[in-house]
N, C-alpha and C. Protein backbone atom coordinates (compact mmCIF):
# COMPACT_ATOMS: atom_id res chain seq x y z
N MET A 1 -19.54 -81.62 36.12
CA MET A 1 -20.72 -81.02 36.67
C MET A 1 -20.39 -79.80 37.53
N ALA A 2 -19.20 -79.79 38.09
CA ALA A 2 -18.83 -78.70 39.00
C ALA A 2 -18.80 -77.37 38.25
N SER A 3 -18.29 -77.38 37.03
CA SER A 3 -18.20 -76.13 36.30
C SER A 3 -19.59 -75.59 35.96
N ARG A 4 -20.52 -76.50 35.73
CA ARG A 4 -21.89 -76.07 35.41
C ARG A 4 -22.51 -75.39 36.62
N ASN A 5 -22.32 -75.96 37.80
CA ASN A 5 -22.88 -75.35 39.01
C ASN A 5 -22.21 -74.02 39.32
N SER A 6 -20.91 -73.93 39.16
CA SER A 6 -20.23 -72.67 39.45
C SER A 6 -20.66 -71.59 38.47
N ARG A 7 -20.88 -71.97 37.22
CA ARG A 7 -21.36 -71.00 36.24
C ARG A 7 -22.76 -70.53 36.60
N HIS A 8 -23.60 -71.43 37.06
CA HIS A 8 -24.96 -71.09 37.44
C HIS A 8 -24.96 -70.14 38.63
N HIS A 9 -24.09 -70.39 39.60
CA HIS A 9 -24.01 -69.52 40.77
C HIS A 9 -23.48 -68.14 40.38
N ALA A 10 -22.56 -68.09 39.44
CA ALA A 10 -22.02 -66.80 39.00
C ALA A 10 -23.10 -65.97 38.35
N LEU A 11 -24.00 -66.60 37.61
CA LEU A 11 -25.08 -65.86 36.98
C LEU A 11 -26.06 -65.33 38.02
N GLN A 12 -26.34 -66.08 39.05
CA GLN A 12 -27.29 -65.65 40.07
C GLN A 12 -26.72 -64.53 40.92
N GLU A 13 -25.41 -64.52 41.14
CA GLU A 13 -24.82 -63.53 42.02
C GLU A 13 -24.54 -62.21 41.32
N ASP A 14 -24.68 -62.13 40.01
CA ASP A 14 -24.39 -60.91 39.25
C ASP A 14 -25.44 -59.85 39.60
N PRO A 15 -25.03 -58.74 40.22
CA PRO A 15 -26.00 -57.73 40.62
C PRO A 15 -26.49 -56.86 39.47
N LEU A 16 -25.74 -56.84 38.34
CA LEU A 16 -26.12 -55.98 37.23
C LEU A 16 -27.16 -56.67 36.35
N MET A 17 -28.18 -55.93 36.03
CA MET A 17 -29.19 -56.44 35.10
C MET A 17 -28.73 -56.10 33.69
N PRO A 18 -28.92 -56.98 32.73
CA PRO A 18 -28.54 -56.64 31.36
C PRO A 18 -29.42 -55.51 30.82
N LEU A 19 -28.82 -54.69 29.97
CA LEU A 19 -29.56 -53.56 29.39
C LEU A 19 -30.52 -54.05 28.31
N SER A 20 -31.64 -53.38 28.21
CA SER A 20 -32.58 -53.71 27.14
C SER A 20 -32.04 -53.13 25.83
N LEU A 21 -32.62 -53.52 24.72
CA LEU A 21 -32.15 -53.06 23.41
C LEU A 21 -32.23 -51.54 23.28
N PRO A 22 -33.36 -50.88 23.65
CA PRO A 22 -33.38 -49.42 23.55
C PRO A 22 -32.31 -48.75 24.43
N GLU A 23 -32.04 -49.35 25.58
CA GLU A 23 -31.01 -48.78 26.46
C GLU A 23 -29.63 -48.94 25.84
N ARG A 24 -29.37 -50.10 25.24
CA ARG A 24 -28.08 -50.31 24.59
C ARG A 24 -27.90 -49.35 23.43
N ARG A 25 -28.96 -49.12 22.66
CA ARG A 25 -28.87 -48.18 21.53
C ARG A 25 -28.59 -46.76 22.03
N ALA A 26 -29.22 -46.39 23.13
CA ALA A 26 -28.98 -45.06 23.70
C ALA A 26 -27.53 -44.93 24.17
N VAL A 27 -27.00 -45.96 24.80
CA VAL A 27 -25.60 -45.95 25.25
C VAL A 27 -24.68 -45.82 24.05
N ILE A 28 -24.95 -46.56 22.99
CA ILE A 28 -24.11 -46.50 21.78
C ILE A 28 -24.16 -45.11 21.17
N ARG A 29 -25.36 -44.50 21.11
CA ARG A 29 -25.47 -43.14 20.55
C ARG A 29 -24.66 -42.15 21.36
N GLU A 30 -24.74 -42.24 22.68
CA GLU A 30 -24.00 -41.31 23.54
C GLU A 30 -22.49 -41.50 23.40
N LEU A 31 -22.05 -42.74 23.41
CA LEU A 31 -20.62 -43.00 23.30
C LEU A 31 -20.09 -42.68 21.90
N ALA A 32 -20.94 -42.82 20.88
CA ALA A 32 -20.50 -42.53 19.50
C ALA A 32 -20.18 -41.05 19.33
N VAL A 33 -20.93 -40.20 20.02
CA VAL A 33 -20.66 -38.76 19.94
C VAL A 33 -19.27 -38.47 20.50
N MET A 34 -18.94 -39.10 21.63
CA MET A 34 -17.62 -38.90 22.22
C MET A 34 -16.53 -39.59 21.39
N HIS A 35 -16.87 -40.73 20.80
CA HIS A 35 -15.91 -41.52 20.02
C HIS A 35 -15.43 -40.76 18.80
N ARG A 36 -16.31 -39.97 18.20
CA ARG A 36 -15.96 -39.22 16.99
C ARG A 36 -14.83 -38.24 17.23
N GLN A 37 -14.78 -37.62 18.42
CA GLN A 37 -13.77 -36.60 18.69
C GLN A 37 -12.66 -37.10 19.60
N ALA A 38 -12.63 -38.39 19.91
CA ALA A 38 -11.68 -38.93 20.88
C ALA A 38 -10.34 -39.26 20.23
N THR A 39 -9.31 -39.25 21.06
CA THR A 39 -8.00 -39.72 20.62
C THR A 39 -8.00 -41.25 20.63
N LYS A 40 -6.92 -41.84 20.18
CA LYS A 40 -6.86 -43.30 20.13
C LYS A 40 -7.00 -43.93 21.51
N GLY A 41 -6.32 -43.37 22.49
CA GLY A 41 -6.42 -43.89 23.85
C GLY A 41 -7.82 -43.75 24.42
N GLN A 42 -8.46 -42.63 24.13
CA GLN A 42 -9.83 -42.42 24.60
C GLN A 42 -10.78 -43.38 23.90
N CYS A 43 -10.54 -43.63 22.62
CA CYS A 43 -11.39 -44.59 21.88
C CYS A 43 -11.29 -45.97 22.50
N THR A 44 -10.09 -46.35 22.90
CA THR A 44 -9.90 -47.66 23.54
C THR A 44 -10.73 -47.74 24.82
N ARG A 45 -10.69 -46.69 25.62
CA ARG A 45 -11.46 -46.69 26.86
C ARG A 45 -12.96 -46.69 26.59
N LEU A 46 -13.40 -45.98 25.55
CA LEU A 46 -14.82 -45.98 25.21
C LEU A 46 -15.30 -47.36 24.76
N ILE A 47 -14.47 -48.05 23.99
CA ILE A 47 -14.83 -49.41 23.55
C ILE A 47 -14.88 -50.34 24.75
N ASP A 48 -13.91 -50.19 25.67
CA ASP A 48 -13.92 -51.00 26.90
C ASP A 48 -15.20 -50.74 27.69
N GLN A 49 -15.58 -49.48 27.77
CA GLN A 49 -16.78 -49.12 28.52
C GLN A 49 -18.03 -49.72 27.87
N LEU A 50 -18.09 -49.67 26.55
CA LEU A 50 -19.24 -50.26 25.85
C LEU A 50 -19.27 -51.77 26.03
N GLN A 51 -18.12 -52.40 26.02
CA GLN A 51 -18.06 -53.85 26.27
C GLN A 51 -18.61 -54.18 27.65
N THR A 52 -18.23 -53.40 28.65
CA THR A 52 -18.67 -53.66 30.01
C THR A 52 -20.17 -53.43 30.16
N LEU A 53 -20.65 -52.33 29.60
CA LEU A 53 -22.06 -51.98 29.78
C LEU A 53 -23.00 -52.92 29.02
N CYS A 54 -22.64 -53.23 27.79
CA CYS A 54 -23.57 -53.98 26.93
C CYS A 54 -23.22 -55.45 26.79
N GLY A 55 -22.02 -55.84 27.17
CA GLY A 55 -21.63 -57.24 27.06
C GLY A 55 -21.23 -57.64 25.65
N TYR A 56 -20.90 -56.66 24.80
CA TYR A 56 -20.50 -56.96 23.44
C TYR A 56 -19.03 -57.39 23.42
N ASN A 57 -18.64 -58.13 22.38
CA ASN A 57 -17.21 -58.39 22.22
C ASN A 57 -16.57 -57.14 21.60
N ARG A 58 -15.26 -57.09 21.65
CA ARG A 58 -14.55 -55.86 21.30
C ARG A 58 -14.78 -55.41 19.85
N SER A 59 -14.71 -56.34 18.92
CA SER A 59 -14.85 -55.94 17.52
C SER A 59 -16.27 -55.45 17.23
N TYR A 60 -17.27 -56.09 17.83
CA TYR A 60 -18.65 -55.65 17.61
C TYR A 60 -18.87 -54.28 18.24
N ALA A 61 -18.29 -54.04 19.41
CA ALA A 61 -18.44 -52.75 20.07
C ALA A 61 -17.83 -51.63 19.22
N ALA A 62 -16.65 -51.88 18.68
CA ALA A 62 -16.00 -50.88 17.83
C ALA A 62 -16.81 -50.63 16.57
N ARG A 63 -17.32 -51.68 15.96
CA ARG A 63 -18.13 -51.54 14.76
C ARG A 63 -19.41 -50.78 15.05
N ALA A 64 -20.04 -51.05 16.19
CA ALA A 64 -21.27 -50.35 16.57
C ALA A 64 -21.02 -48.87 16.77
N LEU A 65 -19.91 -48.51 17.39
CA LEU A 65 -19.58 -47.09 17.58
C LEU A 65 -19.32 -46.39 16.25
N ARG A 66 -18.59 -47.05 15.35
CA ARG A 66 -18.32 -46.44 14.04
C ARG A 66 -19.61 -46.26 13.25
N ALA A 67 -20.47 -47.28 13.27
CA ALA A 67 -21.72 -47.21 12.51
C ALA A 67 -22.63 -46.12 13.07
N ALA A 68 -22.69 -45.99 14.38
CA ALA A 68 -23.53 -44.96 14.99
C ALA A 68 -22.99 -43.58 14.67
N ALA A 69 -21.67 -43.43 14.63
CA ALA A 69 -21.07 -42.13 14.32
C ALA A 69 -21.37 -41.74 12.88
N ILE A 70 -21.35 -42.70 11.97
CA ILE A 70 -21.62 -42.41 10.55
C ILE A 70 -23.08 -42.02 10.37
N THR A 71 -24.00 -42.78 10.95
CA THR A 71 -25.42 -42.47 10.76
C THR A 71 -25.81 -41.20 11.49
N GLU A 72 -25.13 -40.89 12.59
CA GLU A 72 -25.43 -39.68 13.35
C GLU A 72 -24.99 -38.44 12.59
N SER A 73 -23.82 -38.52 11.93
CA SER A 73 -23.27 -37.34 11.27
C SER A 73 -23.76 -37.18 9.84
N ALA A 74 -24.27 -38.23 9.25
CA ALA A 74 -24.64 -38.18 7.83
C ALA A 74 -26.01 -37.53 7.64
N THR A 75 -26.10 -36.69 6.65
CA THR A 75 -27.39 -36.14 6.25
C THR A 75 -27.89 -36.98 5.09
N PRO A 76 -29.19 -36.90 4.74
CA PRO A 76 -29.69 -37.76 3.67
C PRO A 76 -28.94 -37.64 2.36
N HIS A 77 -28.44 -36.44 2.04
CA HIS A 77 -27.78 -36.25 0.75
C HIS A 77 -26.27 -36.05 0.91
N ALA A 78 -25.74 -36.47 2.04
CA ALA A 78 -24.31 -36.28 2.29
C ALA A 78 -23.50 -37.19 1.40
N VAL A 79 -22.36 -36.70 0.99
CA VAL A 79 -21.44 -37.49 0.19
C VAL A 79 -20.29 -37.89 1.09
N ARG A 80 -20.08 -39.18 1.22
CA ARG A 80 -18.98 -39.66 2.04
C ARG A 80 -17.72 -39.73 1.20
N LEU A 81 -16.69 -39.12 1.68
CA LEU A 81 -15.42 -39.17 0.98
C LEU A 81 -14.72 -40.47 1.33
N GLY A 82 -14.16 -41.12 0.33
CA GLY A 82 -13.44 -42.36 0.57
C GLY A 82 -12.10 -42.09 1.22
N ARG A 83 -11.55 -43.11 1.79
CA ARG A 83 -10.25 -42.98 2.42
C ARG A 83 -9.14 -43.43 1.49
N GLY A 84 -9.45 -43.58 0.22
CA GLY A 84 -8.50 -44.17 -0.72
C GLY A 84 -7.15 -43.49 -0.73
N ARG A 85 -6.29 -44.00 -1.57
CA ARG A 85 -4.94 -43.47 -1.69
C ARG A 85 -4.96 -42.06 -2.27
N LYS A 86 -3.91 -41.35 -1.96
CA LYS A 86 -3.73 -40.04 -2.56
C LYS A 86 -3.30 -40.25 -4.02
N PRO A 87 -3.71 -39.36 -4.93
CA PRO A 87 -3.32 -39.54 -6.33
C PRO A 87 -1.79 -39.48 -6.49
N VAL A 88 -1.28 -40.38 -7.30
CA VAL A 88 0.16 -40.43 -7.55
C VAL A 88 0.52 -39.49 -8.69
N TYR A 89 -0.34 -39.41 -9.69
CA TYR A 89 -0.06 -38.62 -10.88
C TYR A 89 -1.03 -37.45 -10.98
N ASP A 90 -0.55 -36.34 -11.55
CA ASP A 90 -1.44 -35.21 -11.79
C ASP A 90 -2.25 -35.49 -13.07
N ALA A 91 -3.12 -34.58 -13.43
CA ALA A 91 -4.03 -34.81 -14.56
C ALA A 91 -3.28 -34.98 -15.88
N ALA A 92 -2.23 -34.18 -16.11
CA ALA A 92 -1.48 -34.27 -17.37
C ALA A 92 -0.76 -35.61 -17.48
N ALA A 93 -0.13 -36.03 -16.39
CA ALA A 93 0.59 -37.31 -16.41
C ALA A 93 -0.39 -38.47 -16.58
N LYS A 94 -1.54 -38.35 -15.95
CA LYS A 94 -2.55 -39.41 -16.07
C LYS A 94 -3.06 -39.50 -17.51
N ALA A 95 -3.25 -38.37 -18.15
CA ALA A 95 -3.69 -38.37 -19.55
C ALA A 95 -2.63 -39.01 -20.45
N ALA A 96 -1.35 -38.72 -20.20
CA ALA A 96 -0.27 -39.30 -20.99
C ALA A 96 -0.20 -40.82 -20.77
N LEU A 97 -0.33 -41.24 -19.52
CA LEU A 97 -0.33 -42.68 -19.22
C LEU A 97 -1.50 -43.39 -19.89
N THR A 98 -2.65 -42.76 -19.87
CA THR A 98 -3.84 -43.36 -20.50
C THR A 98 -3.64 -43.49 -22.00
N THR A 99 -3.01 -42.48 -22.62
CA THR A 99 -2.74 -42.55 -24.05
C THR A 99 -1.80 -43.70 -24.37
N CYS A 100 -0.72 -43.81 -23.62
CA CYS A 100 0.24 -44.92 -23.84
C CYS A 100 -0.44 -46.27 -23.62
N TRP A 101 -1.21 -46.37 -22.56
CA TRP A 101 -1.89 -47.62 -22.21
C TRP A 101 -2.84 -48.04 -23.33
N THR A 102 -3.57 -47.05 -23.89
CA THR A 102 -4.51 -47.34 -24.96
C THR A 102 -3.78 -47.78 -26.23
N LEU A 103 -2.71 -47.06 -26.60
CA LEU A 103 -1.98 -47.39 -27.83
C LEU A 103 -1.28 -48.75 -27.75
N LEU A 104 -0.91 -49.18 -26.55
CA LEU A 104 -0.25 -50.47 -26.38
C LEU A 104 -1.26 -51.61 -26.13
N ASN A 105 -2.54 -51.34 -26.36
CA ASN A 105 -3.61 -52.33 -26.26
C ASN A 105 -3.88 -52.80 -24.82
N PHE A 106 -3.89 -51.83 -23.89
CA PHE A 106 -4.34 -52.04 -22.51
C PHE A 106 -3.61 -53.14 -21.74
N PRO A 107 -2.28 -53.12 -21.72
CA PRO A 107 -1.57 -54.16 -20.94
C PRO A 107 -1.69 -53.88 -19.44
N THR A 108 -1.40 -54.91 -18.63
CA THR A 108 -1.39 -54.72 -17.18
C THR A 108 -0.21 -53.83 -16.82
N GLY A 109 -0.18 -53.37 -15.59
CA GLY A 109 0.86 -52.45 -15.14
C GLY A 109 2.25 -52.98 -15.28
N LYS A 110 2.46 -54.24 -14.89
CA LYS A 110 3.83 -54.78 -14.96
C LYS A 110 4.26 -55.01 -16.41
N ARG A 111 3.34 -55.19 -17.32
CA ARG A 111 3.70 -55.34 -18.74
C ARG A 111 3.84 -53.99 -19.42
N LEU A 112 3.13 -52.99 -18.91
CA LEU A 112 3.20 -51.65 -19.46
C LEU A 112 4.52 -50.96 -19.07
N HIS A 113 4.96 -51.18 -17.85
CA HIS A 113 6.11 -50.48 -17.30
C HIS A 113 7.38 -50.51 -18.16
N PRO A 114 7.79 -51.65 -18.69
CA PRO A 114 9.04 -51.66 -19.48
C PRO A 114 8.94 -50.85 -20.77
N PHE A 115 7.74 -50.68 -21.29
CA PHE A 115 7.58 -50.00 -22.58
C PHE A 115 7.31 -48.50 -22.43
N LEU A 116 7.06 -48.03 -21.24
CA LEU A 116 6.71 -46.63 -21.05
C LEU A 116 7.80 -45.65 -21.49
N PRO A 117 9.05 -45.81 -21.07
CA PRO A 117 10.04 -44.80 -21.46
C PRO A 117 10.15 -44.63 -22.98
N GLU A 118 10.22 -45.75 -23.69
CA GLU A 118 10.34 -45.67 -25.14
C GLU A 118 9.07 -45.12 -25.77
N SER A 119 7.92 -45.55 -25.28
CA SER A 119 6.64 -45.09 -25.85
C SER A 119 6.45 -43.60 -25.63
N VAL A 120 6.76 -43.13 -24.43
CA VAL A 120 6.60 -41.69 -24.14
C VAL A 120 7.55 -40.88 -25.01
N GLU A 121 8.77 -41.35 -25.16
CA GLU A 121 9.75 -40.65 -25.99
C GLU A 121 9.27 -40.52 -27.43
N ARG A 122 8.77 -41.62 -27.99
CA ARG A 122 8.32 -41.60 -29.39
C ARG A 122 7.04 -40.78 -29.57
N LEU A 123 6.10 -40.93 -28.62
CA LEU A 123 4.86 -40.16 -28.72
C LEU A 123 5.13 -38.66 -28.56
N ALA A 124 6.04 -38.29 -27.69
CA ALA A 124 6.38 -36.89 -27.52
C ALA A 124 7.07 -36.35 -28.78
N ALA A 125 7.91 -37.15 -29.42
CA ALA A 125 8.60 -36.71 -30.64
C ALA A 125 7.61 -36.44 -31.76
N HIS A 126 6.50 -37.19 -31.79
CA HIS A 126 5.49 -37.03 -32.84
C HIS A 126 4.34 -36.13 -32.41
N GLY A 127 4.42 -35.58 -31.19
CA GLY A 127 3.40 -34.66 -30.72
C GLY A 127 2.05 -35.30 -30.42
N LYS A 128 2.06 -36.57 -30.06
CA LYS A 128 0.80 -37.30 -29.82
C LYS A 128 0.39 -37.31 -28.34
N LEU A 129 1.26 -36.83 -27.47
CA LEU A 129 0.89 -36.82 -26.05
C LEU A 129 0.10 -35.54 -25.73
N PRO A 130 -0.90 -35.68 -24.88
CA PRO A 130 -1.70 -34.49 -24.52
C PRO A 130 -0.94 -33.52 -23.65
């Protein structure tokens, strides 16, 4: 019972009033603008600040800042570029790989790999590679 009473007293003694939803959204919008141009250390401090002001846990605060930054910067017809990997092969090499892959009946990568040197050599000898 003691922990329940101490928790109750801690809630009564808290001088800060919780923010309303419109106020929290305004805080997130303001911090998201700064978050977009911040360094990693500054981002950490901004997330800490949002946690303190709104009472969010850390992962939710970070997600809220990222989401606000995306919706703030995006236009209705904006195209978001993915963060995917950089291309490993140029267009010509990709076309040659696709040709080999097709002729060998679409094997998986690890099954295709052992046959590539011989296949490329033979296809190049017969002029079948693009």
